[in-house]
Structures are given as structure tokens and as C-alpha cells.
Amino acid sequence: MTPDALFDDLATDLAPLGATAGTMFGKRALKAHGKAFACLKDDRLAFRLGDGSPEHAAALTLDDAELFDPSGKERPFKDWVAVPAALATQWPLLAEAALRTVTP
């Protein structure tokens, strides 16, 4: 399954929780309450988990996960972790955790 198809499935699954598909930096993103909480760049889905949170720390321990650098200029977003499609089985749990960071 392609990263785009995985993203589509995730968007569908999270829609009942208030998530909508949109864009961020010209990339496909998931949003809720006007704020992005996940962003697809190439074969990685980045999640806004909050620097210092247990979910953020756990995500960074996943193979090939890294801080999200949308510009590619070594200026990563500290609150965001990008996880490769090879670990897409982890995406739903991470997306739900990220969604909680933007839900009042």
C-alpha cells in the first residue's frame, strides 16, 4: 500500500473523531480544530506529539523515526516526529496521540 493510500485510510478512520484532510506546507495533512497534527512528506507521516511527552519519546525510539524537518534544511520541528511508511502499523496510535494535542 502506498503512503498516500495509508494516509487516506487513516483520514477516514479519524474522521469520526473530528479529523479532516487538508494541507500544510503544500503537503497532505490531517487537521482538527484548525490545527495540523499530522503531515505526509514523501514516505513519512509526521505527528505533532509535543516535545517532552511520553508519546514523543516513544516515537523517536522507532526504527528510522526522526524529528520532522519539512524544509529539508536541518531545521526540524521539535514537537513533531516523522515515522516511515515501513512502520505504518504504528501510524494509527501515533495519529490518535497527535490528535489529542490539538483537541481542547
PDB file of N, CA and C in Angstrom:
ATOM      1  N   MET A   1       0.846  -1.170   0.000  1.00  0.00           N
ATOM      2  CA  MET A   1       0.000   0.000   0.000  1.00  0.00           C
ATOM      3  C   MET A   1       0.901   1.245   0.000  1.00  0.00           C
ATOM      4  N   THR A   2       0.550   2.228  -0.772  1.00  0.00           N
ATOM      5  CA  THR A   2       1.355   3.445  -0.871  1.00  0.00           C
ATOM      6  C   THR A   2       1.145   4.337   0.358  1.00  0.00           C
ATOM      7  N   PRO A   3       2.097   5.237   0.628  1.00  0.00           N
ATOM      8  CA  PRO A   3       1.891   6.178   1.738  1.00  0.00           C
ATOM      9  C   PRO A   3       0.607   7.006   1.573  1.00  0.00           C
ATOM     10  N   ASP A   4       0.272   7.387   0.334  1.00  0.00           N
ATOM     11  CA  ASP A   4      -0.961   8.148   0.114  1.00  0.00           C
ATOM     12  C   ASP A   4      -2.200   7.323   0.466  1.00  0.00           C
ATOM     13  N   ALA A   5      -2.197   6.059   0.096  1.00  0.00           N
ATOM     14  CA  ALA A   5      -3.338   5.196   0.419  1.00  0.00           C
ATOM     15  C   ALA A   5      -3.433   4.979   1.929  1.00  0.00           C
ATOM     16  N   LEU A   6      -2.297   4.809   2.583  1.00  0.00           N
ATOM     17  CA  LEU A   6      -2.290   4.666   4.044  1.00  0.00           C
ATOM     18  C   LEU A   6      -2.821   5.931   4.709  1.00  0.00           C
ATOM     19  N   PHE A   7      -2.429   7.082   4.178  1.00  0.00           N
ATOM     20  CA  PHE A   7      -2.911   8.362   4.689  1.00  0.00           C
ATOM     21  C   PHE A   7      -4.428   8.456   4.530  1.00  0.00           C
ATOM     22  N   ASP A   8      -4.932   8.074   3.354  1.00  0.00           N
ATOM     23  CA  ASP A   8      -6.376   8.118   3.098  1.00  0.00           C
ATOM     24  C   ASP A   8      -7.137   7.250   4.091  1.00  0.00           C
ATOM     25  N   ASP A   9      -6.634   6.048   4.329  1.00  0.00           N
ATOM     26  CA  ASP A   9      -7.285   5.147   5.292  1.00  0.00           C
ATOM     27  C   ASP A   9      -7.297   5.759   6.693  1.00  0.00           C
ATOM     28  N   LEU A  10      -6.184   6.351   7.070  1.00  0.00           N
ATOM     29  CA  LEU A  10      -6.085   6.970   8.386  1.00  0.00           C
ATOM     30  C   LEU A  10      -7.046   8.158   8.498  1.00  0.00           C
ATOM     31  N   ALA A  11      -7.129   8.970   7.462  1.00  0.00           N
ATOM     32  CA  ALA A  11      -8.055  10.112   7.463  1.00  0.00           C
ATOM     33  C   ALA A  11      -9.497   9.634   7.629  1.00  0.00           C
ATOM     34  N   THR A  12      -9.845   8.565   6.947  1.00  0.00           N
ATOM     35  CA  THR A  12     -11.191   8.012   7.049  1.00  0.00           C
ATOM     36  C   THR A  12     -11.458   7.505   8.469  1.00  0.00           C
ATOM     37  N   ASP A  13     -10.482   6.810   9.035  1.00  0.00           N
ATOM     38  CA  ASP A  13     -10.647   6.253  10.377  1.00  0.00           C
ATOM     39  C   ASP A  13     -10.772   7.337  11.451  1.00  0.00           C
ATOM     40  N   LEU A  14     -10.084   8.465  11.255  1.00  0.00           N
ATOM     41  CA  LEU A  14     -10.081   9.522  12.268  1.00  0.00           C
ATOM     42  C   LEU A  14     -11.187  10.557  12.067  1.00  0.00           C
ATOM     43  N   ALA A  15     -11.873  10.507  10.955  1.00  0.00           N
ATOM     44  CA  ALA A  15     -12.946  11.468  10.684  1.00  0.00           C
ATOM     45  C   ALA A  15     -14.006  11.504  11.793  1.00  0.00           C
ATOM     46  N   PRO A  16     -14.426  10.360  12.345  1.00  0.00           N
ATOM     47  CA  PRO A  16     -15.419  10.416  13.425  1.00  0.00           C
ATOM     48  C   PRO A  16     -14.914  11.122  14.688  1.00  0.00           C
ATOM     49  N   LEU A  17     -13.596  11.268  14.798  1.00  0.00           N
ATOM     50  CA  LEU A  17     -13.012  11.946  15.959  1.00  0.00           C
ATOM     51  C   LEU A  17     -12.792  13.441  15.691  1.00  0.00           C
ATOM     52  N   GLY A  18     -13.226  13.904  14.523  1.00  0.00           N
ATOM     53  CA  GLY A  18     -13.112  15.326  14.198  1.00  0.00           C
ATOM     54  C   GLY A  18     -11.967  15.695  13.288  1.00  0.00           C
ATOM     55  N   ALA A  19     -11.232  14.717  12.787  1.00  0.00           N
ATOM     56  CA  ALA A  19     -10.103  14.998  11.894  1.00  0.00           C
ATOM     57  C   ALA A  19     -10.591  15.225  10.465  1.00  0.00           C
ATOM     58  N   THR A  20      -9.914  16.142   9.791  1.00  0.00           N
ATOM     59  CA  THR A  20     -10.197  16.402   8.383  1.00  0.00           C
ATOM     60  C   THR A  20      -8.884  16.428   7.620  1.00  0.00           C
ATOM     61  N   ALA A  21      -8.955  16.080   6.348  1.00  0.00           N
ATOM     62  CA  ALA A  21      -7.773  16.144   5.493  1.00  0.00           C
ATOM     63  C   ALA A  21      -7.616  17.565   4.982  1.00  0.00           C
ATOM     64  N   GLY A  22      -6.380  18.012   4.898  1.00  0.00           N
ATOM     65  CA  GLY A  22      -6.076  19.342   4.391  1.00  0.00           C
ATOM     66  C   GLY A  22      -4.639  19.386   3.928  1.00  0.00           C
ATOM     67  N   THR A  23      -4.033  20.563   3.996  1.00  0.00           N
ATOM     68  CA  THR A  23      -2.639  20.698   3.599  1.00  0.00           C
ATOM     69  C   THR A  23      -1.868  21.510   4.625  1.00  0.00           C
ATOM     70  N   MET A  24      -0.571  21.279   4.640  1.00  0.00           N
ATOM     71  CA  MET A  24       0.378  22.027   5.467  1.00  0.00           C
ATOM     72  C   MET A  24       1.678  22.068   4.686  1.00  0.00           C
ATOM     73  N   PHE A  25       2.197  23.246   4.433  1.00  0.00           N
ATOM     74  CA  PHE A  25       3.418  23.398   3.634  1.00  0.00           C
ATOM     75  C   PHE A  25       3.286  22.747   2.263  1.00  0.00           C
ATOM     76  N   GLY A  26       2.082  22.727   1.721  1.00  0.00           N
ATOM     77  CA  GLY A  26       1.844  22.119   0.421  1.00  0.00           C
ATOM     78  C   GLY A  26       1.809  20.604   0.439  1.00  0.00           C
ATOM     79  N   LYS A  27       1.835  20.014   1.606  1.00  0.00           N
ATOM     80  CA  LYS A  27       1.792  18.560   1.770  1.00  0.00           C
ATOM     81  C   LYS A  27       0.453  18.166   2.366  1.00  0.00           C
ATOM     82  N   ARG A  28       0.074  16.922   2.161  1.00  0.00           N
ATOM     83  CA  ARG A  28      -1.166  16.420   2.738  1.00  0.00           C
ATOM     84  C   ARG A  28      -1.044  16.392   4.258  1.00  0.00           C
ATOM     85  N   ALA A  29      -2.111  16.806   4.927  1.00  0.00           N
ATOM     86  CA  ALA A  29      -2.079  16.879   6.383  1.00  0.00           C
ATOM     87  C   ALA A  29      -3.426  16.488   6.954  1.00  0.00           C
ATOM     88  N   LEU A  30      -3.400  16.124   8.227  1.00  0.00           N
ATOM     89  CA  LEU A  30      -4.612  15.900   8.996  1.00  0.00           C
ATOM     90  C   LEU A  30      -4.731  17.041   9.987  1.00  0.00           C
ATOM     91  N   LYS A  31      -5.949  17.577  10.096  1.00  0.00           N
ATOM     92  CA  LYS A  31      -6.184  18.719  10.961  1.00  0.00           C
ATOM     93  C   LYS A  31      -7.410  18.477  11.836  1.00  0.00           C
ATOM     94  N   ALA A  32      -7.453  19.207  12.932  1.00  0.00           N
ATOM     95  CA  ALA A  32      -8.632  19.248  13.801  1.00  0.00           C
ATOM     96  C   ALA A  32      -8.614  20.593  14.505  1.00  0.00           C
ATOM     97  N   HIS A  33      -9.764  21.205  14.630  1.00  0.00           N
ATOM     98  CA  HIS A  33      -9.887  22.487  15.307  1.00  0.00           C
ATOM     99  C   HIS A  33      -8.970  23.542  14.687  1.00  0.00           C
ATOM    100  N   GLY A  34      -8.763  23.442  13.367  1.00  0.00           N
ATOM    101  CA  GLY A  34      -7.944  24.410  12.650  1.00  0.00           C
ATOM    102  C   GLY A  34      -6.447  24.221  12.794  1.00  0.00           C
ATOM    103  N   LYS A  35      -6.021  23.138  13.430  1.00  0.00           N
ATOM    104  CA  LYS A  35      -4.588  22.906  13.649  1.00  0.00           C
ATOM    105  C   LYS A  35      -4.172  21.565  13.058  1.00  0.00           C
ATOM    106  N   ALA A  36      -3.020  21.566  12.414  1.00  0.00           N
ATOM    107  CA  ALA A  36      -2.477  20.327  11.850  1.00  0.00           C
ATOM    108  C   ALA A  36      -1.869  19.477  12.964  1.00  0.00           C
ATOM    109  N   PHE A  37      -2.100  18.169  12.870  1.00  0.00           N
ATOM    110  CA  PHE A  37      -1.488  17.259  13.831  1.00  0.00           C
ATOM    111  C   PHE A  37      -0.727  16.125  13.165  1.00  0.00           C
ATOM    112  N   ALA A  38      -0.830  16.011  11.838  1.00  0.00           N
ATOM    113  CA  ALA A  38      -0.063  15.014  11.084  1.00  0.00           C
ATOM    114  C   ALA A  38       0.177  15.568   9.686  1.00  0.00           C
ATOM    115  N   CYS A  39       1.339  15.251   9.117  1.00  0.00           N
ATOM    116  CA  CYS A  39       1.695  15.760   7.797  1.00  0.00           C
ATOM    117  C   CYS A  39       2.481  14.691   7.037  1.00  0.00           C
ATOM    118  N   LEU A  40       2.050  14.405   5.820  1.00  0.00           N
ATOM    119  CA  LEU A  40       2.702  13.398   4.982  1.00  0.00           C
ATOM    120  C   LEU A  40       3.734  14.071   4.091  1.00  0.00           C
ATOM    121  N   LYS A  41       4.978  13.643   4.213  1.00  0.00           N
ATOM    122  CA  LYS A  41       6.050  14.135   3.348  1.00  0.00           C
ATOM    123  C   LYS A  41       6.803  12.925   2.824  1.00  0.00           C
ATOM    124  N   ASP A  42       6.723  12.747   1.511  1.00  0.00           N
ATOM    125  CA  ASP A  42       7.334  11.593   0.861  1.00  0.00           C
ATOM    126  C   ASP A  42       6.745  10.318   1.463  1.00  0.00           C
ATOM    127  N   ASP A  43       7.582   9.443   2.026  1.00  0.00           N
ATOM    128  CA  ASP A  43       7.066   8.186   2.582  1.00  0.00           C
ATOM    129  C   ASP A  43       6.998   8.219   4.105  1.00  0.00           C
ATOM    130  N   ARG A  44       6.945   9.422   4.678  1.00  0.00           N
ATOM    131  CA  ARG A  44       6.902   9.563   6.131  1.00  0.00           C
ATOM    132  C   ARG A  44       5.673  10.360   6.539  1.00  0.00           C
ATOM    133  N   LEU A  45       5.069   9.920   7.623  1.00  0.00           N
ATOM    134  CA  LEU A  45       3.990  10.693   8.216  1.00  0.00           C
ATOM    135  C   LEU A  45       4.531  11.259   9.524  1.00  0.00           C
ATOM    136  N   ALA A  46       4.471  12.577   9.628  1.00  0.00           N
ATOM    137  CA  ALA A  46       4.958  13.263  10.825  1.00  0.00           C
ATOM    138  C   ALA A  46       3.781  13.548  11.745  1.00  0.00           C
ATOM    139  N   PHE A  47       4.032  13.411  13.030  1.00  0.00           N
ATOM    140  CA  PHE A  47       2.995  13.574  14.044  1.00  0.00           C
ATOM    141  C   PHE A  47       3.407  14.638  15.052  1.00  0.00           C
ATOM    142  N   ARG A  48       2.493  15.521  15.369  1.00  0.00           N
ATOM    143  CA  ARG A  48       2.724  16.555  16.376  1.00  0.00           C
ATOM    144  C   ARG A  48       2.418  15.942  17.739  1.00  0.00           C
ATOM    145  N   LEU A  49       3.467  15.525  18.435  1.00  0.00           N
ATOM    146  CA  LEU A  49       3.297  14.802  19.693  1.00  0.00           C
ATOM    147  C   LEU A  49       3.700  15.610  20.916  1.00  0.00           C
ATOM    148  N   GLY A  50       4.388  16.718  20.707  1.00  0.00           N
ATOM    149  CA  GLY A  50       4.800  17.550  21.832  1.00  0.00           C
ATOM    150  C   GLY A  50       6.125  17.111  22.417  1.00  0.00           C
ATOM    151  N   ASP A  51       7.137  17.927  22.217  1.00  0.00           N
ATOM    152  CA  ASP A  51       8.469  17.644  22.748  1.00  0.00           C
ATOM    153  C   ASP A  51       8.375  17.410  24.247  1.00  0.00           C
ATOM    154  N   GLY A  52       8.974  16.327  24.701  1.00  0.00           N
ATOM    155  CA  GLY A  52       8.976  16.008  26.124  1.00  0.00           C
ATOM    156  C   GLY A  52       7.854  15.089  26.574  1.00  0.00           C
ATOM    157  N   SER A  53       6.885  14.847  25.695  1.00  0.00           N
ATOM    158  CA  SER A  53       5.795  13.945  26.074  1.00  0.00           C
ATOM    159  C   SER A  53       6.261  12.491  25.965  1.00  0.00           C
ATOM    160  N   PRO A  54       5.628  11.594  26.706  1.00  0.00           N
ATOM    161  CA  PRO A  54       5.995  10.172  26.600  1.00  0.00           C
ATOM    162  C   PRO A  54       5.790   9.635  25.175  1.00  0.00           C
ATOM    163  N   GLU A  55       4.738  10.102  24.493  1.00  0.00           N
ATOM    164  CA  GLU A  55       4.464   9.645  23.124  1.00  0.00           C
ATOM    165  C   GLU A  55       5.568  10.099  22.164  1.00  0.00           C
ATOM    166  N   HIS A  56       6.047  11.314  22.348  1.00  0.00           N
ATOM    167  CA  HIS A  56       7.136  11.855  21.524  1.00  0.00           C
ATOM    168  C   HIS A  56       8.400  11.022  21.721  1.00  0.00           C
ATOM    169  N   ALA A  57       8.737  10.763  22.977  1.00  0.00           N
ATOM    170  CA  ALA A  57       9.936   9.979  23.291  1.00  0.00           C
ATOM    171  C   ALA A  57       9.831   8.573  22.724  1.00  0.00           C
ATOM    172  N   ALA A  58       8.673   7.951  22.858  1.00  0.00           N
ATOM    173  CA  ALA A  58       8.484   6.591  22.337  1.00  0.00           C
ATOM    174  C   ALA A  58       8.576   6.569  20.816  1.00  0.00           C
ATOM    175  N   ALA A  59       8.003   7.561  20.156  1.00  0.00           N
ATOM    176  CA  ALA A  59       8.045   7.605  18.692  1.00  0.00           C
ATOM    177  C   ALA A  59       9.478   7.719  18.193  1.00  0.00           C
ATOM    178  N   LEU A  60      10.298   8.480  18.880  1.00  0.00           N
ATOM    179  CA  LEU A  60      11.693   8.634  18.449  1.00  0.00           C
ATOM    180  C   LEU A  60      12.506   7.361  18.602  1.00  0.00           C
ATOM    181  N   THR A  61      12.019   6.388  19.369  1.00  0.00           N
ATOM    182  CA  THR A  61      12.744   5.117  19.508  1.00  0.00           C
ATOM    183  C   THR A  61      12.438   4.158  18.361  1.00  0.00           C
ATOM    184  N   LEU A  62      11.430   4.472  17.547  1.00  0.00           N
ATOM    185  CA  LEU A  62      11.080   3.605  16.419  1.00  0.00           C
ATOM    186  C   LEU A  62      12.178   3.655  15.365  1.00  0.00           C
ATOM    187  N   ASP A  63      12.392   2.526  14.696  1.00  0.00           N
ATOM    188  CA  ASP A  63      13.419   2.455  13.650  1.00  0.00           C
ATOM    189  C   ASP A  63      13.202   3.520  12.590  1.00  0.00           C
ATOM    190  N   ASP A  64      14.243   4.285  12.326  1.00  0.00           N
ATOM    191  CA  ASP A  64      14.271   5.292  11.266  1.00  0.00           C
ATOM    192  C   ASP A  64      13.335   6.478  11.506  1.00  0.00           C
ATOM    193  N   ALA A  65      12.779   6.611  12.701  1.00  0.00           N
ATOM    194  CA  ALA A  65      11.969   7.792  13.041  1.00  0.00           C
ATOM    195  C   ALA A  65      12.921   8.938  13.344  1.00  0.00           C
ATOM    196  N   GLU A  66      12.465  10.167  13.066  1.00  0.00           N
ATOM    197  CA  GLU A  66      13.316  11.327  13.289  1.00  0.00           C
ATOM    198  C   GLU A  66      12.447  12.561  13.489  1.00  0.00           C
ATOM    199  N   LEU A  67      13.050  13.616  13.994  1.00  0.00           N
ATOM    200  CA  LEU A  67      12.324  14.873  14.090  1.00  0.00           C
ATOM    201  C   LEU A  67      11.951  15.317  12.680  1.00  0.00           C
ATOM    202  N   PHE A  68      10.789  15.895  12.539  1.00  0.00           N
ATOM    203  CA  PHE A  68      10.251  16.311  11.247  1.00  0.00           C
ATOM    204  C   PHE A  68      10.927  17.601  10.794  1.00  0.00           C
ATOM    205  N   ASP A  69      11.522  17.553   9.606  1.00  0.00           N
ATOM    206  CA  ASP A  69      12.195  18.708   9.016  1.00  0.00           C
ATOM    207  C   ASP A  69      11.528  19.004   7.670  1.00  0.00           C
ATOM    208  N   PRO A  70      10.403  19.734   7.684  1.00  0.00           N
ATOM    209  CA  PRO A  70       9.656  19.929   6.448  1.00  0.00           C
ATOM    210  C   PRO A  70      10.428  20.672   5.367  1.00  0.00           C
ATOM    211  N   SER A  71      11.368  21.533   5.745  1.00  0.00           N
ATOM    212  CA  SER A  71      12.115  22.298   4.751  1.00  0.00           C
ATOM    213  C   SER A  71      13.298  21.517   4.192  1.00  0.00           C
ATOM    214  N   GLY A  72      13.743  20.494   4.909  1.00  0.00           N
ATOM    215  CA  GLY A  72      14.925  19.752   4.491  1.00  0.00           C
ATOM    216  C   GLY A  72      16.213  20.538   4.689  1.00  0.00           C
ATOM    217  N   LYS A  73      16.153  21.597   5.497  1.00  0.00           N
ATOM    218  CA  LYS A  73      17.312  22.468   5.710  1.00  0.00           C
ATOM    219  C   LYS A  73      17.852  22.360   7.135  1.00  0.00           C
ATOM    220  N   GLU A  74      17.696  21.185   7.721  1.00  0.00           N
ATOM    221  CA  GLU A  74      18.183  20.907   9.067  1.00  0.00           C
ATOM    222  C   GLU A  74      17.629  21.885  10.101  1.00  0.00           C
ATOM    223  N   ARG A  75      16.305  22.157   9.974  1.00  0.00           N
ATOM    224  CA  ARG A  75      15.585  22.968  10.956  1.00  0.00           C
ATOM    225  C   ARG A  75      14.337  22.197  11.380  1.00  0.00           C
ATOM    226  N   PRO A  76      14.538  21.100  12.120  1.00  0.00           N
ATOM    227  CA  PRO A  76      13.390  20.262  12.473  1.00  0.00           C
ATOM    228  C   PRO A  76      12.457  20.933  13.473  1.00  0.00           C
ATOM    229  N   PHE A  77      11.202  20.510  13.396  1.00  0.00           N
ATOM    230  CA  PHE A  77      10.193  20.926  14.367  1.00  0.00           C
ATOM    231  C   PHE A  77      10.345  20.026  15.587  1.00  0.00           C
ATOM    232  N   LYS A  78      10.620  20.587  16.722  1.00  0.00           N
ATOM    233  CA  LYS A  78      10.891  19.805  17.927  1.00  0.00           C
ATOM    234  C   LYS A  78       9.692  19.017  18.418  1.00  0.00           C
ATOM    235  N   ASP A  79       8.482  19.499  18.144  1.00  0.00           N
ATOM    236  CA  ASP A  79       7.278  18.821  18.628  1.00  0.00           C
ATOM    237  C   ASP A  79       6.823  17.676  17.719  1.00  0.00           C
ATOM    238  N   TRP A  80       7.421  17.561  16.554  1.00  0.00           N
ATOM    239  CA  TRP A  80       6.950  16.624  15.541  1.00  0.00           C
ATOM    240  C   TRP A  80       7.948  15.491  15.312  1.00  0.00           C
ATOM    241  N   VAL A  81       7.417  14.265  15.127  1.00  0.00           N
ATOM    242  CA  VAL A  81       8.241  13.097  14.816  1.00  0.00           C
ATOM    243  C   VAL A  81       7.740  12.489  13.511  1.00  0.00           C
ATOM    244  N   ALA A  82       8.656  12.275  12.566  1.00  0.00           N
ATOM    245  CA  ALA A  82       8.329  11.671  11.273  1.00  0.00           C
ATOM    246  C   ALA A  82       8.638  10.176  11.329  1.00  0.00           C
ATOM    247  N   VAL A  83       7.655   9.379  10.939  1.00  0.00           N
ATOM    248  CA  VAL A  83       7.759   7.914  11.012  1.00  0.00           C
ATOM    249  C   VAL A  83       7.569   7.349   9.600  1.00  0.00           C
ATOM    250  N   PRO A  84       8.498   6.488   9.155  1.00  0.00           N
ATOM    251  CA  PRO A  84       8.405   5.976   7.785  1.00  0.00           C
ATOM    252  C   PRO A  84       7.213   5.040   7.571  1.00  0.00           C
ATOM    253  N   ALA A  85       6.810   4.940   6.313  1.00  0.00           N
ATOM    254  CA  ALA A  85       5.684   4.071   5.943  1.00  0.00           C
ATOM    255  C   ALA A  85       5.962   2.614   6.278  1.00  0.00           C
ATOM    256  N   ALA A  86       7.223   2.235   6.369  1.00  0.00           N
ATOM    257  CA  ALA A  86       7.556   0.863   6.759  1.00  0.00           C
ATOM    258  C   ALA A  86       7.000   0.528   8.144  1.00  0.00           C
ATOM    259  N   LEU A  87       6.717   1.560   8.935  1.00  0.00           N
ATOM    260  CA  LEU A  87       6.154   1.376  10.270  1.00  0.00           C
ATOM    261  C   LEU A  87       4.713   1.884  10.336  1.00  0.00           C
ATOM    262  N   ALA A  88       4.016   1.788   9.228  1.00  0.00           N
ATOM    263  CA  ALA A  88       2.646   2.304   9.140  1.00  0.00           C
ATOM    264  C   ALA A  88       1.695   1.651  10.138  1.00  0.00           C
ATOM    265  N   THR A  89       2.027   0.487  10.643  1.00  0.00           N
ATOM    266  CA  THR A  89       1.173  -0.130  11.665  1.00  0.00           C
ATOM    267  C   THR A  89       1.149   0.723  12.932  1.00  0.00           C
ATOM    268  N   GLN A  90       2.163   1.573  13.118  1.00  0.00           N
ATOM    269  CA  GLN A  90       2.226   2.468  14.270  1.00  0.00           C
ATOM    270  C   GLN A  90       1.475   3.773  14.037  1.00  0.00           C
ATOM    271  N   TRP A  91       1.198   4.099  12.781  1.00  0.00           N
ATOM    272  CA  TRP A  91       0.589   5.386  12.445  1.00  0.00           C
ATOM    273  C   TRP A  91      -0.742   5.642  13.154  1.00  0.00           C
ATOM    274  N   PRO A  92      -1.672   4.683  13.222  1.00  0.00           N
ATOM    275  CA  PRO A  92      -2.949   4.995  13.882  1.00  0.00           C
ATOM    276  C   PRO A  92      -2.808   5.419  15.347  1.00  0.00           C
ATOM    277  N   LEU A  93      -1.990   4.725  16.103  1.00  0.00           N
ATOM    278  CA  LEU A  93      -1.805   5.092  17.512  1.00  0.00           C
ATOM    279  C   LEU A  93      -1.133   6.450  17.653  1.00  0.00           C
ATOM    280  N   LEU A  94      -0.151   6.702  16.808  1.00  0.00           N
ATOM    281  CA  LEU A  94       0.531   7.991  16.845  1.00  0.00           C
ATOM    282  C   LEU A  94      -0.402   9.116  16.417  1.00  0.00           C
ATOM    283  N   ALA A  95      -1.227   8.846  15.421  1.00  0.00           N
ATOM    284  CA  ALA A  95      -2.177   9.864  14.950  1.00  0.00           C
ATOM    285  C   ALA A  95      -3.200  10.196  16.036  1.00  0.00           C
ATOM    286  N   GLU A  96      -3.677   9.211  16.742  1.00  0.00           N
ATOM    287  CA  GLU A  96      -4.621   9.465  17.830  1.00  0.00           C
ATOM    288  C   GLU A  96      -3.968  10.282  18.942  1.00  0.00           C
ATOM    289  N   ALA A  97      -2.710   9.960  19.250  1.00  0.00           N
ATOM    290  CA  ALA A  97      -1.985  10.743  20.271  1.00  0.00           C
ATOM    291  C   ALA A  97      -1.782  12.175  19.795  1.00  0.00           C
ATOM    292  N   ALA A  98      -1.440  12.343  18.526  1.00  0.00           N
ATOM    293  CA  ALA A  98      -1.238  13.689  17.974  1.00  0.00           C
ATOM    294  C   ALA A  98      -2.551  14.466  17.949  1.00  0.00           C
ATOM    295  N   LEU A  99      -3.632  13.804  17.616  1.00  0.00           N
ATOM    296  CA  LEU A  99      -4.934  14.445  17.606  1.00  0.00           C
ATOM    297  C   LEU A  99      -5.282  15.004  18.990  1.00  0.00           C
ATOM    298  N   ARG A 100      -4.919  14.283  20.023  1.00  0.00           N
ATOM    299  CA  ARG A 100      -5.184  14.755  21.382  1.00  0.00           C
ATOM    300  C   ARG A 100      -4.427  16.060  21.689  1.00  0.00           C
ATOM    301  N   THR A 101      -3.293  16.300  21.019  1.00  0.00           N
ATOM    302  CA  THR A 101      -2.532  17.528  21.284  1.00  0.00           C
ATOM    303  C   THR A 101      -3.220  18.766  20.747  1.00  0.00           C
ATOM    304  N   VAL A 102      -4.144  18.605  19.815  1.00  0.00           N
ATOM    305  CA  VAL A 102      -4.849  19.769  19.246  1.00  0.00           C
ATOM    306  C   VAL A 102      -6.325  19.804  19.635  1.00  0.00           C
ATOM    307  N   THR A 103      -6.739  18.861  20.449  1.00  0.00           N
ATOM    308  CA  THR A 103      -8.136  18.806  20.879  1.00  0.00           C
ATOM    309  C   THR A 103      -8.285  19.519  22.217  1.00  0.00           C
ATOM    310  N   PRO A 104      -9.171  20.514  22.258  1.00  0.00           N
ATOM    311  CA  PRO A 104      -9.340  21.264  23.522  1.00  0.00           C
ATOM    312  C   PRO A 104      -9.970  20.411  24.614  1.00  0.00           C
TER     313      PRO A 104
END
